[in-house]
C-alpha cells in the first residue's frame, strides 16, 4: 500500500478543510484534481490515503477510492483523486512546504488517532503558529 502527501492550499485549519469538502461533496463525488497522474496509482488505490498538510502540519488523511483521468478547468489533462469524505486525524508532524504531491510509504505514514480518543478541546481554535509549535514539540 502507498499513500500520497499533499499541501492543503487555502484552509488554515482542518475544520475549514472539512467544511470546504462537505460543500464540494454536495455537488457530486468528492474529488481532488491534480496536474500529474501518479505512476503508482494501482498501489495507491489498494487502500492508500491522501495525507493533508494543513498550515505546515501533516494532521489528517482521507482514503483514496480511485484515480481517474480528468480535464482541469483550463483544459489540460490531469488526474482526479476520488476521495472518501471522512477525514481521519493522525499523529501530527510538521512538514516543510513542497509543490505538488509526494509519495508516502505506509511504514512512514503517521498513525491514526483513534476515534473517541481524548483530544484537547479547542485545539482548532488555537492560532496556527501556536498549533505548529505544539505539534513540533509532540504535544498535538
Foldseek 3Di string as FASTA:
>chain_A
DKEKEDEDPDDQFVVVVLVVQVVVVVVDFRKDWFAADDPPQVVLCVFYWYQYQHLQKRWKIWRFNHKDWDADPVRHITIIGGTDSDIFTFQIDGDDDDPDMDMDGPVRDTGTDDVPPDDDPPLRVDPSVVNNVCSNVSND
